[in-house]
PDB file of all heavy atoms in Angstrom:
ATOM      1  N   LEU A   1      -3.276  -4.309   9.916  1.00  0.00           N
ATOM      2  CA  LEU A   1      -2.846  -5.630  10.500  1.00  0.00           C
ATOM      3  C   LEU A   1      -2.913  -5.622  11.942  1.00  0.00           C
ATOM      4  O   LEU A   1      -3.358  -6.594  12.670  1.00  0.00           O
ATOM      5  CB  LEU A   1      -1.525  -6.069   9.889  1.00  0.00           C
ATOM      6  CG  LEU A   1      -1.504  -6.352   8.441  1.00  0.00           C
ATOM      7  CD1 LEU A   1      -0.075  -6.566   7.937  1.00  0.00           C
ATOM      8  CD2 LEU A   1      -2.353  -7.596   8.078  1.00  0.00           C
ATOM      9  N   GLU A   2      -2.397  -4.556  12.586  1.00  0.00           N
ATOM     10  CA  GLU A   2      -2.435  -4.498  13.984  1.00  0.00           C
ATOM     11  C   GLU A   2      -3.836  -4.463  14.600  1.00  0.00           C
ATOM     12  O   GLU A   2      -4.160  -5.230  15.566  1.00  0.00           O
ATOM     13  CB  GLU A   2      -1.691  -3.187  14.523  1.00  0.00           C
ATOM     14  CG  GLU A   2      -0.194  -3.201  14.316  1.00  0.00           C
ATOM     15  CD  GLU A   2       0.377  -1.933  14.883  1.00  0.00           C
ATOM     16  OE1 GLU A   2       0.718  -1.878  16.112  1.00  0.00           O
ATOM     17  OE2 GLU A   2       0.525  -0.944  14.130  1.00  0.00           O
ATOM     18  N   ARG A   3      -4.704  -3.701  13.986  1.00  0.00           N
ATOM     19  CA  ARG A   3      -6.089  -3.592  14.507  1.00  0.00           C
ATOM     20  C   ARG A   3      -6.889  -4.827  14.254  1.00  0.00           C
ATOM     21  O   ARG A   3      -7.583  -5.270  15.140  1.00  0.00           O
ATOM     22  CB  ARG A   3      -6.763  -2.363  13.800  1.00  0.00           C
ATOM     23  CG  ARG A   3      -6.307  -0.998  14.281  1.00  0.00           C
ATOM     24  CD  ARG A   3      -6.932   0.090  13.414  1.00  0.00           C
ATOM     25  NE  ARG A   3      -6.563   1.446  13.934  1.00  0.00           N
ATOM     26  CZ  ARG A   3      -6.940   2.515  13.313  1.00  0.00           C
ATOM     27  NH1 ARG A   3      -7.709   2.454  12.243  1.00  0.00           N
ATOM     28  NH2 ARG A   3      -6.595   3.774  13.796  1.00  0.00           N
ATOM     29  N   ASN A   4      -6.758  -5.385  13.020  1.00  0.00           N
ATOM     30  CA  ASN A   4      -7.628  -6.479  12.646  1.00  0.00           C
ATOM     31  C   ASN A   4      -7.273  -7.791  13.262  1.00  0.00           C
ATOM     32  O   ASN A   4      -8.097  -8.709  13.389  1.00  0.00           O
ATOM     33  CB  ASN A   4      -7.676  -6.595  11.172  1.00  0.00           C
ATOM     34  CG  ASN A   4      -8.372  -5.381  10.446  1.00  0.00           C
ATOM     35  OD1 ASN A   4      -9.072  -4.627  11.202  1.00  0.00           O
ATOM     36  ND2 ASN A   4      -8.266  -5.223   9.163  1.00  0.00           N
ATOM     37  N   TYR A   5      -5.929  -7.988  13.559  1.00  0.00           N
ATOM     38  CA  TYR A   5      -5.495  -9.300  14.038  1.00  0.00           C
ATOM     39  C   TYR A   5      -4.796  -9.195  15.398  1.00  0.00           C
ATOM     40  O   TYR A   5      -4.286 -10.211  15.852  1.00  0.00           O
ATOM     41  CB  TYR A   5      -4.544  -9.900  12.934  1.00  0.00           C
ATOM     42  CG  TYR A   5      -5.190 -10.186  11.692  1.00  0.00           C
ATOM     43  CD1 TYR A   5      -5.140  -9.227  10.597  1.00  0.00           C
ATOM     44  CD2 TYR A   5      -5.897 -11.375  11.437  1.00  0.00           C
ATOM     45  CE1 TYR A   5      -5.816  -9.449   9.383  1.00  0.00           C
ATOM     46  CE2 TYR A   5      -6.535 -11.649  10.247  1.00  0.00           C
ATOM     47  CZ  TYR A   5      -6.466 -10.658   9.177  1.00  0.00           C
ATOM     48  OH  TYR A   5      -7.118 -10.909   7.984  1.00  0.00           O
ATOM     49  N   GLY A   6      -4.780  -8.077  16.062  1.00  0.00           N
ATOM     50  CA  GLY A   6      -4.167  -7.969  17.330  1.00  0.00           C
ATOM     51  C   GLY A   6      -2.706  -8.226  17.340  1.00  0.00           C
ATOM     52  O   GLY A   6      -2.180  -8.785  18.306  1.00  0.00           O
ATOM     53  N   LEU A   7      -1.946  -7.786  16.306  1.00  0.00           N
ATOM     54  CA  LEU A   7      -0.557  -8.093  16.221  1.00  0.00           C
ATOM     55  C   LEU A   7       0.246  -6.950  16.832  1.00  0.00           C
ATOM     56  O   LEU A   7      -0.173  -5.814  16.919  1.00  0.00           O
ATOM     57  CB  LEU A   7      -0.146  -8.235  14.739  1.00  0.00           C
ATOM     58  CG  LEU A   7      -0.808  -9.302  13.854  1.00  0.00           C
ATOM     59  CD1 LEU A   7      -0.264  -9.155  12.428  1.00  0.00           C
ATOM     60  CD2 LEU A   7      -0.542 -10.631  14.455  1.00  0.00           C
ATOM     61  N   ASP A   8       1.482  -7.237  17.251  1.00  0.00           N
ATOM     62  CA  ASP A   8       2.342  -6.238  17.727  1.00  0.00           C
ATOM     63  C   ASP A   8       2.925  -5.558  16.474  1.00  0.00           C
ATOM     64  O   ASP A   8       2.851  -6.091  15.422  1.00  0.00           O
ATOM     65  CB  ASP A   8       3.492  -6.808  18.624  1.00  0.00           C
ATOM     66  CG  ASP A   8       4.335  -7.806  17.867  1.00  0.00           C
ATOM     67  OD1 ASP A   8       5.213  -7.372  17.060  1.00  0.00           O
ATOM     68  OD2 ASP A   8       4.072  -9.024  18.028  1.00  0.00           O
ATOM     69  N   ARG A   9       3.473  -4.350  16.695  1.00  0.00           N
ATOM     70  CA  ARG A   9       4.018  -3.538  15.530  1.00  0.00           C
ATOM     71  C   ARG A   9       5.053  -4.269  14.759  1.00  0.00           C
ATOM     72  O   ARG A   9       5.002  -4.249  13.462  1.00  0.00           O
ATOM     73  CB  ARG A   9       4.556  -2.224  16.049  1.00  0.00           C
ATOM     74  CG  ARG A   9       5.191  -1.317  15.010  1.00  0.00           C
ATOM     75  CD  ARG A   9       4.266  -0.991  13.832  1.00  0.00           C
ATOM     76  NE  ARG A   9       3.101  -0.300  14.225  1.00  0.00           N
ATOM     77  CZ  ARG A   9       2.916   1.037  14.236  1.00  0.00           C
ATOM     78  NH1 ARG A   9       3.948   1.829  13.969  1.00  0.00           N
ATOM     79  NH2 ARG A   9       1.787   1.606  14.681  1.00  0.00           N
ATOM     80  N   ALA A  10       6.005  -5.014  15.376  1.00  0.00           N
ATOM     81  CA  ALA A  10       7.100  -5.622  14.642  1.00  0.00           C
ATOM     82  C   ALA A  10       6.592  -6.748  13.756  1.00  0.00           C
ATOM     83  O   ALA A  10       7.011  -6.861  12.612  1.00  0.00           O
ATOM     84  CB  ALA A  10       8.140  -6.273  15.676  1.00  0.00           C
ATOM     85  N   THR A  11       5.615  -7.520  14.266  1.00  0.00           N
ATOM     86  CA  THR A  11       5.042  -8.619  13.427  1.00  0.00           C
ATOM     87  C   THR A  11       4.197  -8.072  12.283  1.00  0.00           C
ATOM     88  O   THR A  11       4.383  -8.531  11.162  1.00  0.00           O
ATOM     89  CB  THR A  11       4.217  -9.542  14.288  1.00  0.00           C
ATOM     90  OG1 THR A  11       5.008 -10.043  15.431  1.00  0.00           O
ATOM     91  CG2 THR A  11       3.638 -10.709  13.476  1.00  0.00           C
ATOM     92  N   ALA A  12       3.399  -7.120  12.562  1.00  0.00           N
ATOM     93  CA  ALA A  12       2.634  -6.456  11.513  1.00  0.00           C
ATOM     94  C   ALA A  12       3.495  -5.791  10.401  1.00  0.00           C
ATOM     95  O   ALA A  12       3.232  -5.972   9.206  1.00  0.00           O
ATOM     96  CB  ALA A  12       1.722  -5.400  12.115  1.00  0.00           C
ATOM     97  N   ALA A  13       4.572  -5.194  10.795  1.00  0.00           N
ATOM     98  CA  ALA A  13       5.499  -4.584   9.870  1.00  0.00           C
ATOM     99  C   ALA A  13       6.167  -5.598   9.017  1.00  0.00           C
ATOM    100  O   ALA A  13       6.354  -5.433   7.790  1.00  0.00           O
ATOM    101  CB  ALA A  13       6.471  -3.647  10.573  1.00  0.00           C
ATOM    102  N   HIS A  14       6.622  -6.655   9.645  1.00  0.00           N
ATOM    103  CA  HIS A  14       7.266  -7.768   8.925  1.00  0.00           C
ATOM    104  C   HIS A  14       6.299  -8.430   7.927  1.00  0.00           C
ATOM    105  O   HIS A  14       6.679  -8.562   6.708  1.00  0.00           O
ATOM    106  CB  HIS A  14       7.706  -8.858   9.943  1.00  0.00           C
ATOM    107  CG  HIS A  14       7.813 -10.230   9.259  1.00  0.00           C
ATOM    108  ND1 HIS A  14       8.727 -10.520   8.329  1.00  0.00           N
ATOM    109  CD2 HIS A  14       7.083 -11.368   9.469  1.00  0.00           C
ATOM    110  CE1 HIS A  14       8.532 -11.770   7.931  1.00  0.00           C
ATOM    111  NE2 HIS A  14       7.536 -12.282   8.653  1.00  0.00           N
ATOM    112  N   LEU A  15       5.055  -8.680   8.306  1.00  0.00           N
ATOM    113  CA  LEU A  15       4.184  -9.359   7.377  1.00  0.00           C
ATOM    114  C   LEU A  15       3.799  -8.368   6.181  1.00  0.00           C
ATOM    115  O   LEU A  15       3.697  -8.733   5.029  1.00  0.00           O
ATOM    116  CB  LEU A  15       2.810  -9.736   8.088  1.00  0.00           C
ATOM    117  CG  LEU A  15       2.983 -10.793   9.109  1.00  0.00           C
ATOM    118  CD1 LEU A  15       1.732 -10.926   9.916  1.00  0.00           C
ATOM    119  CD2 LEU A  15       3.380 -12.127   8.428  1.00  0.00           C
ATOM    120  N   HIS A  16       3.683  -7.103   6.460  1.00  0.00           N
ATOM    121  CA  HIS A  16       3.326  -6.083   5.464  1.00  0.00           C
ATOM    122  C   HIS A  16       4.469  -5.939   4.487  1.00  0.00           C
ATOM    123  O   HIS A  16       4.214  -5.942   3.259  1.00  0.00           O
ATOM    124  CB  HIS A  16       3.138  -4.737   6.147  1.00  0.00           C
ATOM    125  CG  HIS A  16       2.763  -3.629   5.173  1.00  0.00           C
ATOM    126  ND1 HIS A  16       1.530  -3.669   4.478  1.00  0.00           N
ATOM    127  CD2 HIS A  16       3.357  -2.510   4.822  1.00  0.00           C
ATOM    128  CE1 HIS A  16       1.407  -2.578   3.722  1.00  0.00           C
ATOM    129  NE2 HIS A  16       2.564  -1.882   3.923  1.00  0.00           N
ATOM    130  N   ARG A  17       5.716  -5.902   4.889  1.00  0.00           N
ATOM    131  CA  ARG A  17       6.829  -5.666   3.986  1.00  0.00           C
ATOM    132  C   ARG A  17       7.247  -6.979   3.256  1.00  0.00           C
ATOM    133  O   ARG A  17       7.857  -6.955   2.264  1.00  0.00           O
ATOM    134  CB  ARG A  17       8.105  -5.123   4.674  1.00  0.00           C
ATOM    135  CG  ARG A  17       8.757  -6.054   5.631  1.00  0.00           C
ATOM    136  CD  ARG A  17      10.114  -5.542   6.117  1.00  0.00           C
ATOM    137  NE  ARG A  17      10.670  -6.473   7.140  1.00  0.00           N
ATOM    138  CZ  ARG A  17      10.769  -6.179   8.400  1.00  0.00           C
ATOM    139  NH1 ARG A  17      10.374  -5.013   8.833  1.00  0.00           N
ATOM    140  NH2 ARG A  17      11.355  -7.018   9.267  1.00  0.00           N
ATOM    141  N   THR A  18       6.701  -8.139   3.740  1.00  0.00           N
ATOM    142  CA  THR A  18       7.100  -9.385   3.188  1.00  0.00           C
ATOM    143  C   THR A  18       6.058  -9.831   2.150  1.00  0.00           C
ATOM    144  O   THR A  18       6.385 -10.294   1.059  1.00  0.00           O
ATOM    145  CB  THR A  18       7.233 -10.532   4.261  1.00  0.00           C
ATOM    146  OG1 THR A  18       8.250 -10.109   5.239  1.00  0.00           O
ATOM    147  CG2 THR A  18       7.606 -11.839   3.654  1.00  0.00           C
ATOM    148  N   TYR A  19       4.739  -9.736   2.536  1.00  0.00           N
ATOM    149  CA  TYR A  19       3.618 -10.264   1.666  1.00  0.00           C
ATOM    150  C   TYR A  19       2.754  -9.197   1.062  1.00  0.00           C
ATOM    151  O   TYR A  19       1.886  -9.442   0.256  1.00  0.00           O
ATOM    152  CB  TYR A  19       2.790 -11.178   2.556  1.00  0.00           C
ATOM    153  CG  TYR A  19       3.604 -12.329   3.106  1.00  0.00           C
ATOM    154  CD1 TYR A  19       3.934 -12.250   4.500  1.00  0.00           C
ATOM    155  CD2 TYR A  19       3.888 -13.457   2.406  1.00  0.00           C
ATOM    156  CE1 TYR A  19       4.735 -13.286   5.014  1.00  0.00           C
ATOM    157  CE2 TYR A  19       4.605 -14.513   2.974  1.00  0.00           C
ATOM    158  CZ  TYR A  19       5.078 -14.369   4.325  1.00  0.00           C
ATOM    159  OH  TYR A  19       5.766 -15.455   4.870  1.00  0.00           O
ATOM    160  N   GLY A  20       2.952  -7.920   1.518  1.00  0.00           N
ATOM    161  CA  GLY A  20       2.159  -6.826   0.926  1.00  0.00           C
ATOM    162  C   GLY A  20       0.683  -7.047   1.181  1.00  0.00           C
ATOM    163  O   GLY A  20       0.227  -7.331   2.297  1.00  0.00           O
ATOM    164  N   SER A  21      -0.033  -6.888   0.054  1.00  0.00           N
ATOM    165  CA  SER A  21      -1.534  -6.973   0.150  1.00  0.00           C
ATOM    166  C   SER A  21      -1.998  -8.381   0.430  1.00  0.00           C
ATOM    167  O   SER A  21      -3.223  -8.589   0.720  1.00  0.00           O
ATOM    168  CB  SER A  21      -2.161  -6.464  -1.109  1.00  0.00           C
ATOM    169  OG  SER A  21      -1.715  -7.242  -2.277  1.00  0.00           O
ATOM    170  N   ARG A  22      -1.104  -9.354   0.403  1.00  0.00           N
ATOM    171  CA  ARG A  22      -1.561 -10.690   0.736  1.00  0.00           C
ATOM    172  C   ARG A  22      -1.207 -11.086   2.146  1.00  0.00           C
ATOM    173  O   ARG A  22      -1.291 -12.388   2.494  1.00  0.00           O
ATOM    174  CB  ARG A  22      -0.832 -11.655  -0.278  1.00  0.00           C
ATOM    175  CG  ARG A  22      -1.147 -11.318  -1.744  1.00  0.00           C
ATOM    176  CD  ARG A  22      -0.855 -12.336  -2.706  1.00  0.00           C
ATOM    177  NE  ARG A  22      -1.309 -11.942  -4.085  1.00  0.00           N
ATOM    178  CZ  ARG A  22      -1.372 -12.693  -5.141  1.00  0.00           C
ATOM    179  NH1 ARG A  22      -1.027 -13.986  -5.109  1.00  0.00           N
ATOM    180  NH2 ARG A  22      -1.789 -12.255  -6.313  1.00  0.00           N
ATOM    181  N   ALA A  23      -0.835 -10.239   2.990  1.00  0.00           N
ATOM    182  CA  ALA A  23      -0.468 -10.576   4.395  1.00  0.00           C
ATOM    183  C   ALA A  23      -1.633 -11.241   5.093  1.00  0.00           C
ATOM    184  O   ALA A  23      -1.505 -12.150   5.911  1.00  0.00           O
ATOM    185  CB  ALA A  23       0.043  -9.378   5.096  1.00  0.00           C
ATOM    186  N   ALA A  24      -2.854 -10.789   4.866  1.00  0.00           N
ATOM    187  CA  ALA A  24      -4.040 -11.302   5.529  1.00  0.00           C
ATOM    188  C   ALA A  24      -4.196 -12.798   5.153  1.00  0.00           C
ATOM    189  O   ALA A  24      -4.742 -13.508   5.980  1.00  0.00           O
ATOM    190  CB  ALA A  24      -5.290 -10.478   5.106  1.00  0.00           C
ATOM    191  N   ARG A  25      -3.822 -13.201   3.993  1.00  0.00           N
ATOM    192  CA  ARG A  25      -3.917 -14.639   3.615  1.00  0.00           C
ATOM    193  C   ARG A  25      -3.003 -15.494   4.503  1.00  0.00           C
ATOM    194  O   ARG A  25      -3.405 -16.651   4.790  1.00  0.00           O
ATOM    195  CB  ARG A  25      -3.577 -14.759   2.091  1.00  0.00           C
ATOM    196  CG  ARG A  25      -4.425 -13.955   1.208  1.00  0.00           C
ATOM    197  CD  ARG A  25      -4.132 -14.329  -0.307  1.00  0.00           C
ATOM    198  NE  ARG A  25      -4.752 -13.490  -1.213  1.00  0.00           N
ATOM    199  CZ  ARG A  25      -4.736 -13.581  -2.482  1.00  0.00           C
ATOM    200  NH1 ARG A  25      -4.096 -14.655  -3.027  1.00  0.00           N
ATOM    201  NH2 ARG A  25      -5.375 -12.700  -3.326  1.00  0.00           N
ATOM    202  N   VAL A  26      -1.909 -14.902   4.858  1.00  0.00           N
ATOM    203  CA  VAL A  26      -0.963 -15.666   5.760  1.00  0.00           C
ATOM    204  C   VAL A  26      -1.746 -15.789   7.125  1.00  0.00           C
ATOM    205  O   VAL A  26      -1.670 -16.884   7.694  1.00  0.00           O
ATOM    206  CB  VAL A  26       0.326 -14.903   5.920  1.00  0.00           C
ATOM    207  CG1 VAL A  26       1.264 -15.638   6.897  1.00  0.00           C
ATOM    208  CG2 VAL A  26       1.038 -14.796   4.580  1.00  0.00           C
ATOM    209  N   LEU A  27      -2.231 -14.776   7.644  1.00  0.00           N
ATOM    210  CA  LEU A  27      -2.838 -14.762   8.946  1.00  0.00           C
ATOM    211  C   LEU A  27      -4.050 -15.654   8.925  1.00  0.00           C
ATOM    212  O   LEU A  27      -4.438 -16.246  10.087  1.00  0.00           O
ATOM    213  CB  LEU A  27      -3.155 -13.326   9.316  1.00  0.00           C
ATOM    214  CG  LEU A  27      -1.984 -12.480   9.682  1.00  0.00           C
ATOM    215  CD1 LEU A  27      -2.351 -11.052   9.716  1.00  0.00           C
ATOM    216  CD2 LEU A  27      -1.318 -12.917  10.999  1.00  0.00           C
ATOM    217  N   GLU A  28      -4.727 -15.856   7.881  1.00  0.00           N
ATOM    218  CA  GLU A  28      -5.865 -16.818   7.872  1.00  0.00           C
ATOM    219  C   GLU A  28      -5.431 -18.247   8.201  1.00  0.00           C
ATOM    220  O   GLU A  28      -6.200 -18.988   8.798  1.00  0.00           O
ATOM    221  CB  GLU A  28      -6.542 -16.778   6.459  1.00  0.00           C
ATOM    222  CG  GLU A  28      -7.336 -15.508   6.162  1.00  0.00           C
ATOM    223  CD  GLU A  28      -7.771 -15.413   4.696  1.00  0.00           C
ATOM    224  OE1 GLU A  28      -7.541 -16.372   3.938  1.00  0.00           O
ATOM    225  OE2 GLU A  28      -8.297 -14.400   4.262  1.00  0.00           O
ATOM    226  N   LEU A  29      -4.246 -18.506   7.861  1.00  0.00           N
ATOM    227  CA  LEU A  29      -3.731 -19.856   8.127  1.00  0.00           C
ATOM    228  C   LEU A  29      -3.277 -19.964   9.576  1.00  0.00           C
ATOM    229  O   LEU A  29      -3.028 -21.077  10.045  1.00  0.00           O
ATOM    230  CB  LEU A  29      -2.507 -20.172   7.234  1.00  0.00           C
ATOM    231  CG  LEU A  29      -2.803 -20.260   5.756  1.00  0.00           C
ATOM    232  CD1 LEU A  29      -1.517 -20.563   4.924  1.00  0.00           C
ATOM    233  CD2 LEU A  29      -3.824 -21.224   5.474  1.00  0.00           C
ATOM    234  N   ALA A  30      -3.285 -18.852  10.301  1.00  0.00           N
ATOM    235  CA  ALA A  30      -2.925 -18.949  11.781  1.00  0.00           C
ATOM    236  C   ALA A  30      -4.173 -19.308  12.549  1.00  0.00           C
ATOM    237  O   ALA A  30      -4.036 -19.616  13.741  1.00  0.00           O
ATOM    238  CB  ALA A  30      -2.398 -17.598  12.232  1.00  0.00           C
ATOM    239  N   GLU A  31      -5.331 -19.228  11.937  1.00  0.00           N
ATOM    240  CA  GLU A  31      -6.637 -19.691  12.570  1.00  0.00           C
ATOM    241  C   GLU A  31      -6.861 -18.970  13.895  1.00  0.00           C
ATOM    242  O   GLU A  31      -7.135 -19.568  14.891  1.00  0.00           O
ATOM    243  CB  GLU A  31      -6.602 -21.164  12.722  1.00  0.00           C
ATOM    244  CG  GLU A  31      -6.558 -21.954  11.381  1.00  0.00           C
ATOM    245  CD  GLU A  31      -6.465 -23.430  11.595  1.00  0.00           C
ATOM    246  OE1 GLU A  31      -6.199 -23.929  12.700  1.00  0.00           O
ATOM    247  OE2 GLU A  31      -6.694 -24.210  10.639  1.00  0.00           O
ATOM    248  N   GLY A  32      -6.618 -17.662  13.927  1.00  0.00           N
ATOM    249  CA  GLY A  32      -6.908 -16.803  14.991  1.00  0.00           C
ATOM    250  C   GLY A  32      -5.838 -16.837  16.119  1.00  0.00           C
ATOM    251  O   GLY A  32      -5.983 -16.197  17.147  1.00  0.00           O
ATOM    252  N   CYS A  33      -4.731 -17.577  15.962  1.00  0.00           N
ATOM    253  CA  CYS A  33      -3.672 -17.677  16.946  1.00  0.00           C
ATOM    254  C   CYS A  33      -2.315 -17.616  16.276  1.00  0.00           C
ATOM    255  O   CYS A  33      -1.657 -18.621  16.012  1.00  0.00           O
ATOM    256  CB  CYS A  33      -3.776 -18.943  17.720  1.00  0.00           C
ATOM    257  SG  CYS A  33      -2.607 -19.120  19.099  1.00  0.00           S
ATOM    258  N   PRO A  34      -1.855 -16.354  15.962  1.00  0.00           N
ATOM    259  CA  PRO A  34      -0.513 -16.286  15.349  1.00  0.00           C
ATOM    260  C   PRO A  34       0.596 -16.626  16.309  1.00  0.00           C
ATOM    261  O   PRO A  34       0.912 -15.933  17.217  1.00  0.00           O
ATOM    262  CB  PRO A  34      -0.472 -14.733  14.974  1.00  0.00           C
ATOM    263  CG  PRO A  34      -1.907 -14.195  15.109  1.00  0.00           C
ATOM    264  CD  PRO A  34      -2.529 -15.089  16.158  1.00  0.00           C
ATOM    265  N   THR A  35       1.171 -17.791  15.953  1.00  0.00           N
ATOM    266  CA  THR A  35       2.153 -18.362  16.885  1.00  0.00           C
ATOM    267  C   THR A  35       3.619 -17.951  16.427  1.00  0.00           C
ATOM    268  O   THR A  35       3.952 -18.313  15.263  1.00  0.00           O
ATOM    269  CB  THR A  35       2.050 -19.814  16.980  1.00  0.00           C
ATOM    270  OG1 THR A  35       0.794 -20.186  17.407  1.00  0.00           O
ATOM    271  CG2 THR A  35       3.105 -20.434  18.026  1.00  0.00           C
ATOM    272  N   PRO A  36       4.408 -17.328  17.248  1.00  0.00           N
ATOM    273  CA  PRO A  36       5.750 -17.035  16.820  1.00  0.00           C
ATOM    274  C   PRO A  36       6.626 -18.255  16.525  1.00  0.00           C
ATOM    275  O   PRO A  36       6.369 -19.318  17.189  1.00  0.00           O
ATOM    276  CB  PRO A  36       6.390 -16.252  18.020  1.00  0.00           C
ATOM    277  CG  PRO A  36       5.144 -15.796  18.797  1.00  0.00           C
ATOM    278  CD  PRO A  36       4.091 -16.842  18.580  1.00  0.00           C
ATOM    279  N   LEU A  37       7.467 -18.184  15.584  1.00  0.00           N
ATOM    280  CA  LEU A  37       8.357 -19.286  15.211  1.00  0.00           C
ATOM    281  C   LEU A  37       9.587 -19.445  16.036  1.00  0.00           C
ATOM    282  O   LEU A  37       9.958 -20.544  16.475  1.00  0.00           O
ATOM    283  CB  LEU A  37       8.713 -19.265  13.740  1.00  0.00           C
ATOM    284  CG  LEU A  37       9.467 -20.320  13.110  1.00  0.00           C
ATOM    285  CD1 LEU A  37       8.663 -21.640  13.116  1.00  0.00           C
ATOM    286  CD2 LEU A  37       9.870 -20.035  11.680  1.00  0.00           C
ATOM    287  N   VAL A  38      10.219 -18.277  16.328  1.00  0.00           N
ATOM    288  CA  VAL A  38      11.422 -18.356  17.134  1.00  0.00           C
ATOM    289  C   VAL A  38      11.606 -17.025  17.964  1.00  0.00           C
ATOM    290  O   VAL A  38      11.146 -15.946  17.390  1.00  0.00           O
ATOM    291  CB  VAL A  38      12.728 -18.554  16.256  1.00  0.00           C
ATOM    292  CG1 VAL A  38      12.852 -17.384  15.231  1.00  0.00           C
ATOM    293  CG2 VAL A  38      13.937 -18.811  17.070  1.00  0.00           C
ATOM    294  N   GLU A  39      12.017 -17.153  19.120  1.00  0.00           N
ATOM    295  CA  GLU A  39      12.155 -15.943  20.011  1.00  0.00           C
ATOM    296  C   GLU A  39      13.014 -14.847  19.406  1.00  0.00           C
ATOM    297  O   GLU A  39      14.092 -15.155  18.828  1.00  0.00           O
ATOM    298  CB  GLU A  39      12.656 -16.399  21.370  1.00  0.00           C
ATOM    299  CG  GLU A  39      12.694 -15.230  22.351  1.00  0.00           C
ATOM    300  CD  GLU A  39      13.190 -15.716  23.723  1.00  0.00           C
ATOM    301  OE1 GLU A  39      13.482 -16.925  23.912  1.00  0.00           O
ATOM    302  OE2 GLU A  39      13.322 -14.894  24.707  1.00  0.00           O
ATOM    303  N   GLY A  40      12.583 -13.663  19.517  1.00  0.00           N
ATOM    304  CA  GLY A  40      13.381 -12.517  19.061  1.00  0.00           C
ATOM    305  C   GLY A  40      13.172 -12.096  17.592  1.00  0.00           C
ATOM    306  O   GLY A  40      13.744 -11.072  17.162  1.00  0.00           O
ATOM    307  N   TYR A  41      12.312 -12.802  16.911  1.00  0.00           N
ATOM    308  CA  TYR A  41      12.122 -12.467  15.513  1.00  0.00           C
ATOM    309  C   TYR A  41      10.578 -12.490  15.235  1.00  0.00           C
ATOM    310  O   TYR A  41       9.877 -13.258  15.872  1.00  0.00           O
ATOM    311  CB  TYR A  41      12.812 -13.442  14.577  1.00  0.00           C
ATOM    312  CG  TYR A  41      14.323 -13.207  14.589  1.00  0.00           C
ATOM    313  CD1 TYR A  41      15.080 -13.826  15.483  1.00  0.00           C
ATOM    314  CD2 TYR A  41      14.820 -12.351  13.682  1.00  0.00           C
ATOM    315  CE1 TYR A  41      16.518 -13.583  15.570  1.00  0.00           C
ATOM    316  CE2 TYR A  41      16.263 -12.119  13.720  1.00  0.00           C
ATOM    317  CZ  TYR A  41      17.018 -12.756  14.614  1.00  0.00           C
ATOM    318  OH  TYR A  41      18.382 -12.494  14.624  1.00  0.00           O
ATOM    319  N   PRO A  42      10.133 -11.748  14.241  1.00  0.00           N
ATOM    320  CA  PRO A  42       8.661 -11.633  13.991  1.00  0.00           C
ATOM    321  C   PRO A  42       8.067 -12.708  13.183  1.00  0.00           C
ATOM    322  O   PRO A  42       6.821 -12.594  12.782  1.00  0.00           O
ATOM    323  CB  PRO A  42       8.581 -10.272  13.341  1.00  0.00           C
ATOM    324  CG  PRO A  42       9.807 -10.175  12.539  1.00  0.00           C
ATOM    325  CD  PRO A  42      10.865 -10.802  13.351  1.00  0.00           C
ATOM    326  N   TYR A  43       8.768 -13.685  12.899  1.00  0.00           N
ATOM    327  CA  TYR A  43       8.244 -14.759  11.963  1.00  0.00           C
ATOM    328  C   TYR A  43       7.196 -15.665  12.689  1.00  0.00           C
ATOM    329  O   TYR A  43       7.317 -15.919  13.811  1.00  0.00           O
ATOM    330  CB  TYR A  43       9.428 -15.618  11.400  1.00  0.00           C
ATOM    331  CG  TYR A  43      10.483 -14.811  10.724  1.00  0.00           C
ATOM    332  CD1 TYR A  43      11.749 -14.826  11.274  1.00  0.00           C
ATOM    333  CD2 TYR A  43      10.164 -14.046   9.620  1.00  0.00           C
ATOM    334  CE1 TYR A  43      12.769 -14.019  10.670  1.00  0.00           C
ATOM    335  CE2 TYR A  43      11.160 -13.403   8.963  1.00  0.00           C
ATOM    336  CZ  TYR A  43      12.527 -13.295   9.543  1.00  0.00           C
ATOM    337  OH  TYR A  43      13.407 -12.530   8.881  1.00  0.00           O
ATOM    338  N   LEU A  44       6.187 -16.102  11.890  1.00  0.00           N
ATOM    339  CA  LEU A  44       5.075 -16.874  12.420  1.00  0.00           C
ATOM    340  C   LEU A  44       5.056 -18.303  11.836  1.00  0.00           C
ATOM    341  O   LEU A  44       5.481 -18.478  10.716  1.00  0.00           O
ATOM    342  CB  LEU A  44       3.791 -16.188  12.096  1.00  0.00           C
ATOM    343  CG  LEU A  44       3.469 -14.741  12.626  1.00  0.00           C
ATOM    344  CD1 LEU A  44       2.229 -14.242  12.137  1.00  0.00           C
ATOM    345  CD2 LEU A  44       3.633 -14.723  14.177  1.00  0.00           C
TER     346      LEU A  44
END
């Protein structure tokens, strides 16, 4: 996830432990720009 989508470690780890093998499907909805939801947390 870090390599393919340019994510920081915290965000990649969050997506991996939350969505597992479907994390990439979440990132597809970011349309190339994963925007943080709230400061201090890895949610998008």
